Amino acid sequence: MTAIYRLGIDAGGTFTDFILAERGKGVSLFKSPSTPEDGTQAIRAGLAQIADALGRPASEVVANADLCINGTTVALNALIERQGAKVGLLCTEGHEDSLEIRLGHKEDGYRYDPEYPPA
């Protein structure tokens, strides 16, 4: 059978949103409460909603999807709220400044004086 669905999932801190594109029929939106203790529960609940709306088993919906994109803000929320496990960074000799320099994205790559949270 030719794939007829495209599925997008956005798992947020409060709700998990779903968008289903069905070939020849357009787009449908679904929402289920997020389950931070086990994100798969919210995804399963949303897939069940989609399956009920289509009158098909969830396994058939997934099997007939040629694209499934899953995005989440859960890790970002944990970072912003300073929740989650404490972590450490081990640096090899010669790279001790990696944490202070923070070689990630910078609006101005040559500016090293932005306000960072304490390391």
PDB file of N, CA and C in Angstrom:
ATOM      1  N   MET A   1       0.841  -1.186   0.000  1.00  0.00           N
ATOM      2  CA  MET A   1       0.000   0.000   0.000  1.00  0.00           C
ATOM      3  C   MET A   1       0.888   1.252   0.000  1.00  0.00           C
ATOM      4  N   THR A   2       0.508   2.244  -0.778  1.00  0.00           N
ATOM      5  CA  THR A   2       1.255   3.493  -0.854  1.00  0.00           C
ATOM      6  C   THR A   2       0.994   4.336   0.383  1.00  0.00           C
ATOM      7  N   ALA A   3       2.053   4.943   0.904  1.00  0.00           N
ATOM      8  CA  ALA A   3       1.921   5.787   2.098  1.00  0.00           C
ATOM      9  C   ALA A   3       0.988   6.952   1.803  1.00  0.00           C
ATOM     10  N   ILE A   4       0.078   7.223   2.729  1.00  0.00           N
ATOM     11  CA  ILE A   4      -0.892   8.299   2.510  1.00  0.00           C
ATOM     12  C   ILE A   4      -0.883   9.339   3.624  1.00  0.00           C
ATOM     13  N   TYR A   5      -0.060   9.145   4.630  1.00  0.00           N
ATOM     14  CA  TYR A   5      -0.046  10.075   5.757  1.00  0.00           C
ATOM     15  C   TYR A   5       1.338  10.676   5.959  1.00  0.00           C
ATOM     16  N   ARG A   6       1.330  11.879   6.519  1.00  0.00           N
ATOM     17  CA  ARG A   6       2.531  12.506   7.071  1.00  0.00           C
ATOM     18  C   ARG A   6       2.133  12.995   8.449  1.00  0.00           C
ATOM     19  N   LEU A   7       2.986  12.739   9.417  1.00  0.00           N
ATOM     20  CA  LEU A   7       2.640  12.991  10.807  1.00  0.00           C
ATOM     21  C   LEU A   7       3.704  13.849  11.474  1.00  0.00           C
ATOM     22  N   GLY A   8       3.261  14.889  12.169  1.00  0.00           N
ATOM     23  CA  GLY A   8       4.157  15.721  12.956  1.00  0.00           C
ATOM     24  C   GLY A   8       3.737  15.697  14.411  1.00  0.00           C
ATOM     25  N   ILE A   9       4.687  15.572  15.311  1.00  0.00           N
ATOM     26  CA  ILE A   9       4.416  15.508  16.750  1.00  0.00           C
ATOM     27  C   ILE A   9       5.302  16.529  17.448  1.00  0.00           C
ATOM     28  N   ASP A  10       4.703  17.349  18.304  1.00  0.00           N
ATOM     29  CA  ASP A  10       5.457  18.323  19.104  1.00  0.00           C
ATOM     30  C   ASP A  10       5.127  18.079  20.565  1.00  0.00           C
ATOM     31  N   ALA A  11       6.042  17.457  21.283  1.00  0.00           N
ATOM     32  CA  ALA A  11       5.833  17.135  22.694  1.00  0.00           C
ATOM     33  C   ALA A  11       6.325  18.293  23.547  1.00  0.00           C
ATOM     34  N   GLY A  12       5.399  19.042  24.116  1.00  0.00           N
ATOM     35  CA  GLY A  12       5.739  20.166  24.981  1.00  0.00           C
ATOM     36  C   GLY A  12       5.569  19.806  26.440  1.00  0.00           C
ATOM     37  N   GLY A  13       5.762  20.778  27.289  1.00  0.00           N
ATOM     38  CA  GLY A  13       5.661  20.549  28.724  1.00  0.00           C
ATOM     39  C   GLY A  13       4.240  20.340  29.205  1.00  0.00           C
ATOM     40  N   THR A  14       3.255  20.939  28.520  1.00  0.00           N
ATOM     41  CA  THR A  14       1.857  20.841  28.936  1.00  0.00           C
ATOM     42  C   THR A  14       1.036  19.983  27.986  1.00  0.00           C
ATOM     43  N   PHE A  15       1.210  20.209  26.695  1.00  0.00           N
ATOM     44  CA  PHE A  15       0.451  19.459  25.693  1.00  0.00           C
ATOM     45  C   PHE A  15       1.384  18.859  24.652  1.00  0.00           C
ATOM     46  N   THR A  16       0.933  17.771  24.058  1.00  0.00           N
ATOM     47  CA  THR A  16       1.600  17.176  22.908  1.00  0.00           C
ATOM     48  C   THR A  16       0.667  17.385  21.729  1.00  0.00           C
ATOM     49  N   ASP A  17       1.167  18.093  20.720  1.00  0.00           N
ATOM     50  CA  ASP A  17       0.362  18.440  19.551  1.00  0.00           C
ATOM     51  C   ASP A  17       0.709  17.529  18.384  1.00  0.00           C
ATOM     52  N   PHE A  18      -0.300  17.247  17.584  1.00  0.00           N
ATOM     53  CA  PHE A  18      -0.144  16.371  16.427  1.00  0.00           C
ATOM     54  C   PHE A  18      -0.728  17.065  15.207  1.00  0.00           C
ATOM     55  N   ILE A  19      -0.079  16.911  14.079  1.00  0.00           N
ATOM     56  CA  ILE A  19      -0.620  17.367  12.810  1.00  0.00           C
ATOM     57  C   ILE A  19      -0.533  16.188  11.850  1.00  0.00           C
ATOM     58  N   LEU A  20      -1.646  15.892  11.216  1.00  0.00           N
ATOM     59  CA  LEU A  20      -1.712  14.774  10.286  1.00  0.00           C
ATOM     60  C   LEU A  20      -2.079  15.319   8.918  1.00  0.00           C
ATOM     61  N   ALA A  21      -1.223  15.081   7.947  1.00  0.00           N
ATOM     62  CA  ALA A  21      -1.522  15.439   6.562  1.00  0.00           C
ATOM     63  C   ALA A  21      -1.902  14.149   5.847  1.00  0.00           C
ATOM     64  N   GLU A  22      -3.101  14.148   5.291  1.00  0.00           N
ATOM     65  CA  GLU A  22      -3.601  12.964   4.603  1.00  0.00           C
ATOM     66  C   GLU A  22      -3.735  13.283   3.118  1.00  0.00           C
ATOM     67  N   ARG A  23      -3.079  12.493   2.296  1.00  0.00           N
ATOM     68  CA  ARG A  23      -3.076  12.738   0.856  1.00  0.00           C
ATOM     69  C   ARG A  23      -4.507  12.879   0.328  1.00  0.00           C
ATOM     70  N   GLY A  24      -4.750  13.991  -0.343  1.00  0.00           N
ATOM     71  CA  GLY A  24      -6.049  14.232  -0.962  1.00  0.00           C
ATOM     72  C   GLY A  24      -7.133  14.708  -0.020  1.00  0.00           C
ATOM     73  N   LYS A  25      -6.851  14.777   1.284  1.00  0.00           N
ATOM     74  CA  LYS A  25      -7.894  15.160   2.240  1.00  0.00           C
ATOM     75  C   LYS A  25      -7.511  16.332   3.119  1.00  0.00           C
ATOM     76  N   GLY A  26      -6.273  16.776   3.083  1.00  0.00           N
ATOM     77  CA  GLY A  26      -5.883  17.941   3.868  1.00  0.00           C
ATOM     78  C   GLY A  26      -5.215  17.600   5.185  1.00  0.00           C
ATOM     79  N   VAL A  27      -5.334  18.557   6.102  1.00  0.00           N
ATOM     80  CA  VAL A  27      -4.601  18.502   7.366  1.00  0.00           C
ATOM     81  C   VAL A  27      -5.577  18.468   8.535  1.00  0.00           C
ATOM     82  N   SER A  28      -5.251  17.676   9.551  1.00  0.00           N
ATOM     83  CA  SER A  28      -6.042  17.602  10.783  1.00  0.00           C
ATOM     84  C   SER A  28      -5.114  17.818  11.969  1.00  0.00           C
ATOM     85  N   LEU A  29      -5.636  18.478  13.001  1.00  0.00           N
ATOM     86  CA  LEU A  29      -4.862  18.760  14.208  1.00  0.00           C
ATOM     87  C   LEU A  29      -5.438  18.001  15.393  1.00  0.00           C
ATOM     88  N   PHE A  30      -4.552  17.530  16.266  1.00  0.00           N
ATOM     89  CA  PHE A  30      -4.943  16.790  17.458  1.00  0.00           C
ATOM     90  C   PHE A  30      -4.069  17.251  18.617  1.00  0.00           C
ATOM     91  N   LYS A  31      -4.543  17.015  19.835  1.00  0.00           N
ATOM     92  CA  LYS A  31      -3.814  17.454  21.031  1.00  0.00           C
ATOM     93  C   LYS A  31      -4.098  16.471  22.162  1.00  0.00           C
ATOM     94  N   SER A  32      -3.060  16.171  22.935  1.00  0.00           N
ATOM     95  CA  SER A  32      -3.258  15.363  24.140  1.00  0.00           C
ATOM     96  C   SER A  32      -2.395  15.955  25.252  1.00  0.00           C
ATOM     97  N   PRO A  33      -2.800  15.765  26.506  1.00  0.00           N
ATOM     98  CA  PRO A  33      -1.977  16.267  27.616  1.00  0.00           C
ATOM     99  C   PRO A  33      -0.617  15.562  27.619  1.00  0.00           C
ATOM    100  N   SER A  34       0.431  16.322  27.843  1.00  0.00           N
ATOM    101  CA  SER A  34       1.766  15.723  27.929  1.00  0.00           C
ATOM    102  C   SER A  34       1.889  14.914  29.214  1.00  0.00           C
ATOM    103  N   THR A  35       2.752  13.931  29.169  1.00  0.00           N
ATOM    104  CA  THR A  35       3.007  13.073  30.329  1.00  0.00           C
ATOM    105  C   THR A  35       4.511  13.101  30.600  1.00  0.00           C
ATOM    106  N   PRO A  36       4.972  14.104  31.369  1.00  0.00           N
ATOM    107  CA  PRO A  36       6.417  14.265  31.586  1.00  0.00           C
ATOM    108  C   PRO A  36       7.102  13.026  32.162  1.00  0.00           C
ATOM    109  N   GLU A  37       6.375  12.243  32.960  1.00  0.00           N
ATOM    110  CA  GLU A  37       6.989  11.054  33.551  1.00  0.00           C
ATOM    111  C   GLU A  37       7.254   9.974  32.504  1.00  0.00           C
ATOM    112  N   ASP A  38       6.516   9.989  31.398  1.00  0.00           N
ATOM    113  CA  ASP A  38       6.718   9.028  30.307  1.00  0.00           C
ATOM    114  C   ASP A  38       6.108   9.614  29.043  1.00  0.00           C
ATOM    115  N   GLY A  39       6.934  10.265  28.235  1.00  0.00           N
ATOM    116  CA  GLY A  39       6.453  10.944  27.035  1.00  0.00           C
ATOM    117  C   GLY A  39       5.754  10.042  26.043  1.00  0.00           C
ATOM    118  N   THR A  40       6.046   8.749  26.080  1.00  0.00           N
ATOM    119  CA  THR A  40       5.403   7.843  25.126  1.00  0.00           C
ATOM    120  C   THR A  40       3.907   7.710  25.378  1.00  0.00           C
ATOM    121  N   GLN A  41       3.470   7.933  26.622  1.00  0.00           N
ATOM    122  CA  GLN A  41       2.035   7.835  26.919  1.00  0.00           C
ATOM    123  C   GLN A  41       1.246   8.890  26.152  1.00  0.00           C
ATOM    124  N   ALA A  42       1.745  10.120  26.119  1.00  0.00           N
ATOM    125  CA  ALA A  42       1.059  11.195  25.398  1.00  0.00           C
ATOM    126  C   ALA A  42       1.056  10.918  23.901  1.00  0.00           C
ATOM    127  N   ILE A  43       2.154  10.381  23.391  1.00  0.00           N
ATOM    128  CA  ILE A  43       2.220  10.075  21.964  1.00  0.00           C
ATOM    129  C   ILE A  43       1.246   8.962  21.620  1.00  0.00           C
ATOM    130  N   ARG A  44       1.183   7.947  22.451  1.00  0.00           N
ATOM    131  CA  ARG A  44       0.223   6.856  22.210  1.00  0.00           C
ATOM    132  C   ARG A  44      -1.216   7.361  22.273  1.00  0.00           C
ATOM    133  N   ALA A  45      -1.496   8.252  23.228  1.00  0.00           N
ATOM    134  CA  ALA A  45      -2.851   8.804  23.353  1.00  0.00           C
ATOM    135  C   ALA A  45      -3.216   9.617  22.112  1.00  0.00           C
ATOM    136  N   GLY A  46      -2.278  10.411  21.624  1.00  0.00           N
ATOM    137  CA  GLY A  46      -2.533  11.193  20.419  1.00  0.00           C
ATOM    138  C   GLY A  46      -2.724  10.318  19.197  1.00  0.00           C
ATOM    139  N   LEU A  47      -1.908   9.281  19.070  1.00  0.00           N
ATOM    140  CA  LEU A  47      -2.073   8.356  17.950  1.00  0.00           C
ATOM    141  C   LEU A  47      -3.417   7.639  18.026  1.00  0.00           C
ATOM    142  N   ALA A  48      -3.873   7.346  19.247  1.00  0.00           N
ATOM    143  CA  ALA A  48      -5.193   6.723  19.409  1.00  0.00           C
ATOM    144  C   ALA A  48      -6.298   7.678  18.957  1.00  0.00           C
ATOM    145  N   GLN A  49      -6.165   8.974  19.273  1.00  0.00           N
ATOM    146  CA  GLN A  49      -7.140   9.971  18.807  1.00  0.00           C
ATOM    147  C   GLN A  49      -7.189  10.008  17.281  1.00  0.00           C
ATOM    148  N   ILE A  50      -6.012  10.021  16.671  1.00  0.00           N
ATOM    149  CA  ILE A  50      -5.933  10.059  15.213  1.00  0.00           C
ATOM    150  C   ILE A  50      -6.571   8.812  14.623  1.00  0.00           C
ATOM    151  N   ALA A  51      -6.233   7.655  15.182  1.00  0.00           N
ATOM    152  CA  ALA A  51      -6.788   6.394  14.695  1.00  0.00           C
ATOM    153  C   ALA A  51      -8.308   6.380  14.813  1.00  0.00           C
ATOM    154  N   ASP A  52      -8.834   6.863  15.945  1.00  0.00           N
ATOM    155  CA  ASP A  52     -10.289   6.920  16.125  1.00  0.00           C
ATOM    156  C   ASP A  52     -10.935   7.827  15.083  1.00  0.00           C
ATOM    157  N   ALA A  53     -10.310   8.978  14.827  1.00  0.00           N
ATOM    158  CA  ALA A  53     -10.862   9.920  13.851  1.00  0.00           C
ATOM    159  C   ALA A  53     -10.873   9.328  12.442  1.00  0.00           C
ATOM    160  N   LEU A  54      -9.885   8.497  12.137  1.00  0.00           N
ATOM    161  CA  LEU A  54      -9.794   7.890  10.809  1.00  0.00           C
ATOM    162  C   LEU A  54     -10.540   6.565  10.711  1.00  0.00           C
ATOM    163  N   GLY A  55     -10.920   6.015  11.865  1.00  0.00           N
ATOM    164  CA  GLY A  55     -11.585   4.717  11.863  1.00  0.00           C
ATOM    165  C   GLY A  55     -10.646   3.580  11.488  1.00  0.00           C
ATOM    166  N   ARG A  56      -9.380   3.719  11.846  1.00  0.00           N
ATOM    167  CA  ARG A  56      -8.365   2.704  11.545  1.00  0.00           C
ATOM    168  C   ARG A  56      -7.547   2.426  12.800  1.00  0.00           C
ATOM    169  N   PRO A  57      -6.906   1.283  12.888  1.00  0.00           N
ATOM    170  CA  PRO A  57      -6.008   1.028  14.016  1.00  0.00           C
ATOM    171  C   PRO A  57      -4.789   1.957  13.948  1.00  0.00           C
ATOM    172  N   ALA A  58      -4.276   2.339  15.099  1.00  0.00           N
ATOM    173  CA  ALA A  58      -3.104   3.214  15.152  1.00  0.00           C
ATOM    174  C   ALA A  58      -1.920   2.594  14.412  1.00  0.00           C
ATOM    175  N   SER A  59      -1.759   1.289  14.517  1.00  0.00           N
ATOM    176  CA  SER A  59      -0.643   0.620  13.836  1.00  0.00           C
ATOM    177  C   SER A  59      -0.739   0.793  12.321  1.00  0.00           C
ATOM    178  N   GLU A  60      -1.951   0.821  11.796  1.00  0.00           N
ATOM    179  CA  GLU A  60      -2.150   1.012  10.355  1.00  0.00           C
ATOM    180  C   GLU A  60      -1.830   2.450   9.943  1.00  0.00           C
ATOM    181  N   VAL A  61      -2.201   3.395  10.797  1.00  0.00           N
ATOM    182  CA  VAL A  61      -1.890   4.799  10.513  1.00  0.00           C
ATOM    183  C   VAL A  61      -0.375   4.980  10.435  1.00  0.00           C
ATOM    184  N   VAL A  62       0.336   4.451  11.424  1.00  0.00           N
ATOM    185  CA  VAL A  62       1.793   4.583  11.457  1.00  0.00           C
ATOM    186  C   VAL A  62       2.429   3.845  10.277  1.00  0.00           C
ATOM    187  N   ALA A  63       1.941   2.662   9.969  1.00  0.00           N
ATOM    188  CA  ALA A  63       2.502   1.876   8.867  1.00  0.00           C
ATOM    189  C   ALA A  63       2.312   2.571   7.524  1.00  0.00           C
ATOM    190  N   ASN A  64       1.284   3.406   7.403  1.00  0.00           N
ATOM    191  CA  ASN A  64       0.992   4.090   6.151  1.00  0.00           C
ATOM    192  C   ASN A  64       1.478   5.532   6.134  1.00  0.00           C
ATOM    193  N   ALA A  65       2.373   5.868   7.039  1.00  0.00           N
ATOM    194  CA  ALA A  65       2.972   7.206   7.067  1.00  0.00           C
ATOM    195  C   ALA A  65       4.352   7.130   6.418  1.00  0.00           C
ATOM    196  N   ASP A  66       4.586   8.025   5.457  1.00  0.00           N
ATOM    197  CA  ASP A  66       5.915   8.030   4.842  1.00  0.00           C
ATOM    198  C   ASP A  66       6.849   9.016   5.528  1.00  0.00           C
ATOM    199  N   LEU A  67       6.312   9.796   6.468  1.00  0.00           N
ATOM    200  CA  LEU A  67       7.133  10.755   7.191  1.00  0.00           C
ATOM    201  C   LEU A  67       6.537  10.971   8.573  1.00  0.00           C
ATOM    202  N   CYS A  68       7.379  10.902   9.577  1.00  0.00           N
ATOM    203  CA  CYS A  68       6.957  11.191  10.946  1.00  0.00           C
ATOM    204  C   CYS A  68       8.057  12.031  11.583  1.00  0.00           C
ATOM    205  N   ILE A  69       7.699  13.244  11.986  1.00  0.00           N
ATOM    206  CA  ILE A  69       8.666  14.154  12.598  1.00  0.00           C
ATOM    207  C   ILE A  69       8.259  14.376  14.046  1.00  0.00           C
ATOM    208  N   ASN A  70       9.202  14.182  14.956  1.00  0.00           N
ATOM    209  CA  ASN A  70       8.938  14.359  16.379  1.00  0.00           C
ATOM    210  C   ASN A  70       9.859  15.446  16.914  1.00  0.00           C
ATOM    211  N   GLY A  71       9.278  16.488  17.467  1.00  0.00           N
ATOM    212  CA  GLY A  71      10.051  17.548  18.094  1.00  0.00           C
ATOM    213  C   GLY A  71       9.623  17.681  19.543  1.00  0.00           C
ATOM    214  N   THR A  72      10.500  18.208  20.364  1.00  0.00           N
ATOM    215  CA  THR A  72      10.150  18.353  21.767  1.00  0.00           C
ATOM    216  C   THR A  72      10.867  19.547  22.386  1.00  0.00           C
ATOM    217  N   THR A  73      10.227  20.133  23.370  1.00  0.00           N
ATOM    218  CA  THR A  73      10.851  21.204  24.149  1.00  0.00           C
ATOM    219  C   THR A  73      11.173  20.719  25.562  1.00  0.00           C
ATOM    220  N   VAL A  74      11.004  19.436  25.810  1.00  0.00           N
ATOM    221  CA  VAL A  74      11.177  18.895  27.154  1.00  0.00           C
ATOM    222  C   VAL A  74      12.589  19.158  27.684  1.00  0.00           C
ATOM    223  N   ALA A  75      13.607  18.880  26.889  1.00  0.00           N
ATOM    224  CA  ALA A  75      14.983  19.100  27.352  1.00  0.00           C
ATOM    225  C   ALA A  75      15.257  20.585  27.553  1.00  0.00           C
ATOM    226  N   LEU A  76      14.770  21.415  26.640  1.00  0.00           N
ATOM    227  CA  LEU A  76      14.963  22.858  26.775  1.00  0.00           C
ATOM    228  C   LEU A  76      14.267  23.384  28.024  1.00  0.00           C
ATOM    229  N   ASN A  77      13.039  22.922  28.274  1.00  0.00           N
ATOM    230  CA  ASN A  77      12.319  23.342  29.482  1.00  0.00           C
ATOM    231  C   ASN A  77      13.088  22.953  30.742  1.00  0.00           C
ATOM    232  N   ALA A  78      13.627  21.752  30.770  1.00  0.00           N
ATOM    233  CA  ALA A  78      14.397  21.304  31.939  1.00  0.00           C
ATOM    234  C   ALA A  78      15.619  22.189  32.146  1.00  0.00           C
ATOM    235  N   LEU A  79      16.256  22.586  31.063  1.00  0.00           N
ATOM    236  CA  LEU A  79      17.428  23.453  31.156  1.00  0.00           C
ATOM    237  C   LEU A  79      17.040  24.832  31.672  1.00  0.00           C
ATOM    238  N   ILE A  80      15.990  25.406  31.107  1.00  0.00           N
ATOM    239  CA  ILE A  80      15.543  26.742  31.513  1.00  0.00           C
ATOM    240  C   ILE A  80      15.098  26.757  32.974  1.00  0.00           C
ATOM    241  N   GLU A  81      14.387  25.710  33.386  1.00  0.00           N
ATOM    242  CA  GLU A  81      13.865  25.628  34.751  1.00  0.00           C
ATOM    243  C   GLU A  81      14.903  25.090  35.732  1.00  0.00           C
ATOM    244  N   ARG A  82      16.081  24.767  35.239  1.00  0.00           N
ATOM    245  CA  ARG A  82      17.163  24.208  36.053  1.00  0.00           C
ATOM    246  C   ARG A  82      16.712  22.955  36.810  1.00  0.00           C
ATOM    247  N   GLN A  83      16.026  22.089  36.079  1.00  0.00           N
ATOM    248  CA  GLN A  83      15.596  20.810  36.633  1.00  0.00           C
ATOM    249  C   GLN A  83      16.425  19.712  35.984  1.00  0.00           C
ATOM    250  N   GLY A  84      16.286  18.514  36.487  1.00  0.00           N
ATOM    251  CA  GLY A  84      17.021  17.400  35.913  1.00  0.00           C
ATOM    252  C   GLY A  84      18.263  17.081  36.723  1.00  0.00           C
ATOM    253  N   ALA A  85      18.991  16.118  36.235  1.00  0.00           N
ATOM    254  CA  ALA A  85      20.179  15.638  36.943  1.00  0.00           C
ATOM    255  C   ALA A  85      21.318  16.644  36.859  1.00  0.00           C
ATOM    256  N   LYS A  86      22.133  16.653  37.897  1.00  0.00           N
ATOM    257  CA  LYS A  86      23.353  17.461  37.865  1.00  0.00           C
ATOM    258  C   LYS A  86      24.348  16.735  36.971  1.00  0.00           C
ATOM    259  N   VAL A  87      25.064  17.509  36.189  1.00  0.00           N
ATOM    260  CA  VAL A  87      26.032  16.923  35.272  1.00  0.00           C
ATOM    261  C   VAL A  87      27.383  17.590  35.457  1.00  0.00           C
ATOM    262  N   GLY A  88      28.388  16.972  34.942  1.00  0.00           N
ATOM    263  CA  GLY A  88      29.732  17.526  34.996  1.00  0.00           C
ATOM    264  C   GLY A  88      30.361  17.479  33.621  1.00  0.00           C
ATOM    265  N   LEU A  89      31.406  18.249  33.440  1.00  0.00           N
ATOM    266  CA  LEU A  89      32.130  18.279  32.177  1.00  0.00           C
ATOM    267  C   LEU A  89      33.595  18.002  32.465  1.00  0.00           C
ATOM    268  N   LEU A  90      34.111  16.946  31.875  1.00  0.00           N
ATOM    269  CA  LEU A  90      35.526  16.622  32.006  1.00  0.00           C
ATOM    270  C   LEU A  90      36.230  17.126  30.761  1.00  0.00           C
ATOM    271  N   CYS A  91      37.301  17.870  30.948  1.00  0.00           N
ATOM    272  CA  CYS A  91      38.062  18.418  29.824  1.00  0.00           C
ATOM    273  C   CYS A  91      39.468  17.848  29.837  1.00  0.00           C
ATOM    274  N   THR A  92      39.971  17.553  28.667  1.00  0.00           N
ATOM    275  CA  THR A  92      41.344  17.073  28.576  1.00  0.00           C
ATOM    276  C   THR A  92      42.309  18.247  28.689  1.00  0.00           C
ATOM    277  N   GLU A  93      43.544  17.926  28.984  1.00  0.00           N
ATOM    278  CA  GLU A  93      44.565  18.957  29.152  1.00  0.00           C
ATOM    279  C   GLU A  93      44.614  19.856  27.917  1.00  0.00           C
ATOM    280  N   GLY A  94      44.640  21.148  28.172  1.00  0.00           N
ATOM    281  CA  GLY A  94      44.668  22.110  27.080  1.00  0.00           C
ATOM    282  C   GLY A  94      43.300  22.643  26.708  1.00  0.00           C
ATOM    283  N   HIS A  95      42.241  22.059  27.271  1.00  0.00           N
ATOM    284  CA  HIS A  95      40.877  22.491  26.950  1.00  0.00           C
ATOM    285  C   HIS A  95      40.105  22.880  28.210  1.00  0.00           C
ATOM    286  N   GLU A  96      40.824  23.306  29.239  1.00  0.00           N
ATOM    287  CA  GLU A  96      40.192  23.630  30.512  1.00  0.00           C
ATOM    288  C   GLU A  96      39.212  24.797  30.399  1.00  0.00           C
ATOM    289  N   ASP A  97      39.393  25.656  29.420  1.00  0.00           N
ATOM    290  CA  ASP A  97      38.541  26.838  29.282  1.00  0.00           C
ATOM    291  C   ASP A  97      37.256  26.576  28.501  1.00  0.00           C
ATOM    292  N   SER A  98      37.028  25.344  28.080  1.00  0.00           N
ATOM    293  CA  SER A  98      35.863  25.053  27.239  1.00  0.00           C
ATOM    294  C   SER A  98      34.552  25.505  27.855  1.00  0.00           C
ATOM    295  N   LEU A  99      34.378  25.303  29.161  1.00  0.00           N
ATOM    296  CA  LEU A  99      33.126  25.691  29.795  1.00  0.00           C
ATOM    297  C   LEU A  99      32.964  27.205  29.817  1.00  0.00           C
ATOM    298  N   GLU A 100      34.028  27.917  30.139  1.00  0.00           N
ATOM    299  CA  GLU A 100      33.934  29.379  30.185  1.00  0.00           C
ATOM    300  C   GLU A 100      33.784  29.990  28.797  1.00  0.00           C
ATOM    301  N   ILE A 101      34.464  29.433  27.807  1.00  0.00           N
ATOM    302  CA  ILE A 101      34.376  29.969  26.449  1.00  0.00           C
ATOM    303  C   ILE A 101      33.028  29.618  25.830  1.00  0.00           C
ATOM    304  N   ARG A 102      32.519  28.441  26.137  1.00  0.00           N
ATOM    305  CA  ARG A 102      31.221  27.969  25.638  1.00  0.00           C
ATOM    306  C   ARG A 102      31.155  28.113  24.130  1.00  0.00           C
ATOM    307  N   LEU A 103      31.735  27.164  23.473  1.00  0.00           N
ATOM    308  CA  LEU A 103      31.896  27.244  22.023  1.00  0.00           C
ATOM    309  C   LEU A 103      30.603  27.016  21.237  1.00  0.00           C
ATOM    310  N   GLY A 104      29.458  27.213  21.840  1.00  0.00           N
ATOM    311  CA  GLY A 104      28.197  27.076  21.130  1.00  0.00           C
ATOM    312  C   GLY A 104      27.899  28.289  20.275  1.00  0.00           C
ATOM    313  N   HIS A 105      26.676  28.404  19.819  1.00  0.00           N
ATOM    314  CA  HIS A 105      26.251  29.512  18.964  1.00  0.00           C
ATOM    315  C   HIS A 105      26.308  30.830  19.724  1.00  0.00           C
ATOM    316  N   LYS A 106      26.832  31.827  19.071  1.00  0.00           N
ATOM    317  CA  LYS A 106      26.846  33.179  19.628  1.00  0.00           C
ATOM    318  C   LYS A 106      26.322  34.122  18.559  1.00  0.00           C
ATOM    319  N   GLU A 107      25.549  35.134  18.969  1.00  0.00           N
ATOM    320  CA  GLU A 107      25.083  36.116  17.996  1.00  0.00           C
ATOM    321  C   GLU A 107      26.266  36.810  17.348  1.00  0.00           C
ATOM    322  N   ASP A 108      27.272  37.104  18.129  1.00  0.00           N
ATOM    323  CA  ASP A 108      28.497  37.716  17.621  1.00  0.00           C
ATOM    324  C   ASP A 108      29.641  36.798  18.039  1.00  0.00           C
ATOM    325  N   GLY A 109      30.172  36.043  17.090  1.00  0.00           N
ATOM    326  CA  GLY A 109      31.176  35.030  17.396  1.00  0.00           C
ATOM    327  C   GLY A 109      32.447  35.553  18.028  1.00  0.00           C
ATOM    328  N   TYR A 110      32.672  36.868  17.959  1.00  0.00           N
ATOM    329  CA  TYR A 110      33.896  37.439  18.524  1.00  0.00           C
ATOM    330  C   TYR A 110      33.643  38.143  19.846  1.00  0.00           C
ATOM    331  N   ARG A 111      32.446  38.044  20.356  1.00  0.00           N
ATOM    332  CA  ARG A 111      32.108  38.702  21.616  1.00  0.00           C
ATOM    333  C   ARG A 111      32.114  37.660  22.729  1.00  0.00           C
ATOM    334  N   TYR A 112      32.940  37.875  23.736  1.00  0.00           N
ATOM    335  CA  TYR A 112      33.059  36.904  24.822  1.00  0.00           C
ATOM    336  C   TYR A 112      32.629  37.476  26.163  1.00  0.00           C
ATOM    337  N   ASP A 113      31.766  38.494  26.152  1.00  0.00           N
ATOM    338  CA  ASP A 113      31.348  39.088  27.418  1.00  0.00           C
ATOM    339  C   ASP A 113      29.850  38.989  27.700  1.00  0.00           C
ATOM    340  N   PRO A 114      29.100  38.053  27.065  1.00  0.00           N
ATOM    341  CA  PRO A 114      27.680  37.961  27.410  1.00  0.00           C
ATOM    342  C   PRO A 114      27.498  37.438  28.832  1.00  0.00           C
ATOM    343  N   GLU A 115      26.326  37.682  29.400  1.00  0.00           N
ATOM    344  CA  GLU A 115      26.014  37.206  30.754  1.00  0.00           C
ATOM    345  C   GLU A 115      25.576  35.744  30.686  1.00  0.00           C
ATOM    346  N   TYR A 116      26.362  34.857  31.251  1.00  0.00           N
ATOM    347  CA  TYR A 116      26.026  33.439  31.327  1.00  0.00           C
ATOM    348  C   TYR A 116      25.600  33.105  32.747  1.00  0.00           C
ATOM    349  N   PRO A 117      24.767  32.084  32.919  1.00  0.00           N
ATOM    350  CA  PRO A 117      24.489  31.629  34.285  1.00  0.00           C
ATOM    351  C   PRO A 117      25.767  31.057  34.886  1.00  0.00           C
ATOM    352  N   PRO A 118      25.858  30.991  36.206  1.00  0.00           N
ATOM    353  CA  PRO A 118      27.082  30.480  36.828  1.00  0.00           C
ATOM    354  C   PRO A 118      27.369  29.041  36.417  1.00  0.00           C
ATOM    355  N   ALA A 119      28.638  28.748  36.222  1.00  0.00           N
ATOM    356  CA  ALA A 119      29.058  27.399  35.819  1.00  0.00           C
ATOM    357  C   ALA A 119      29.177  26.513  37.034  1.00  0.00           C
TER     358      ALA A 119
END
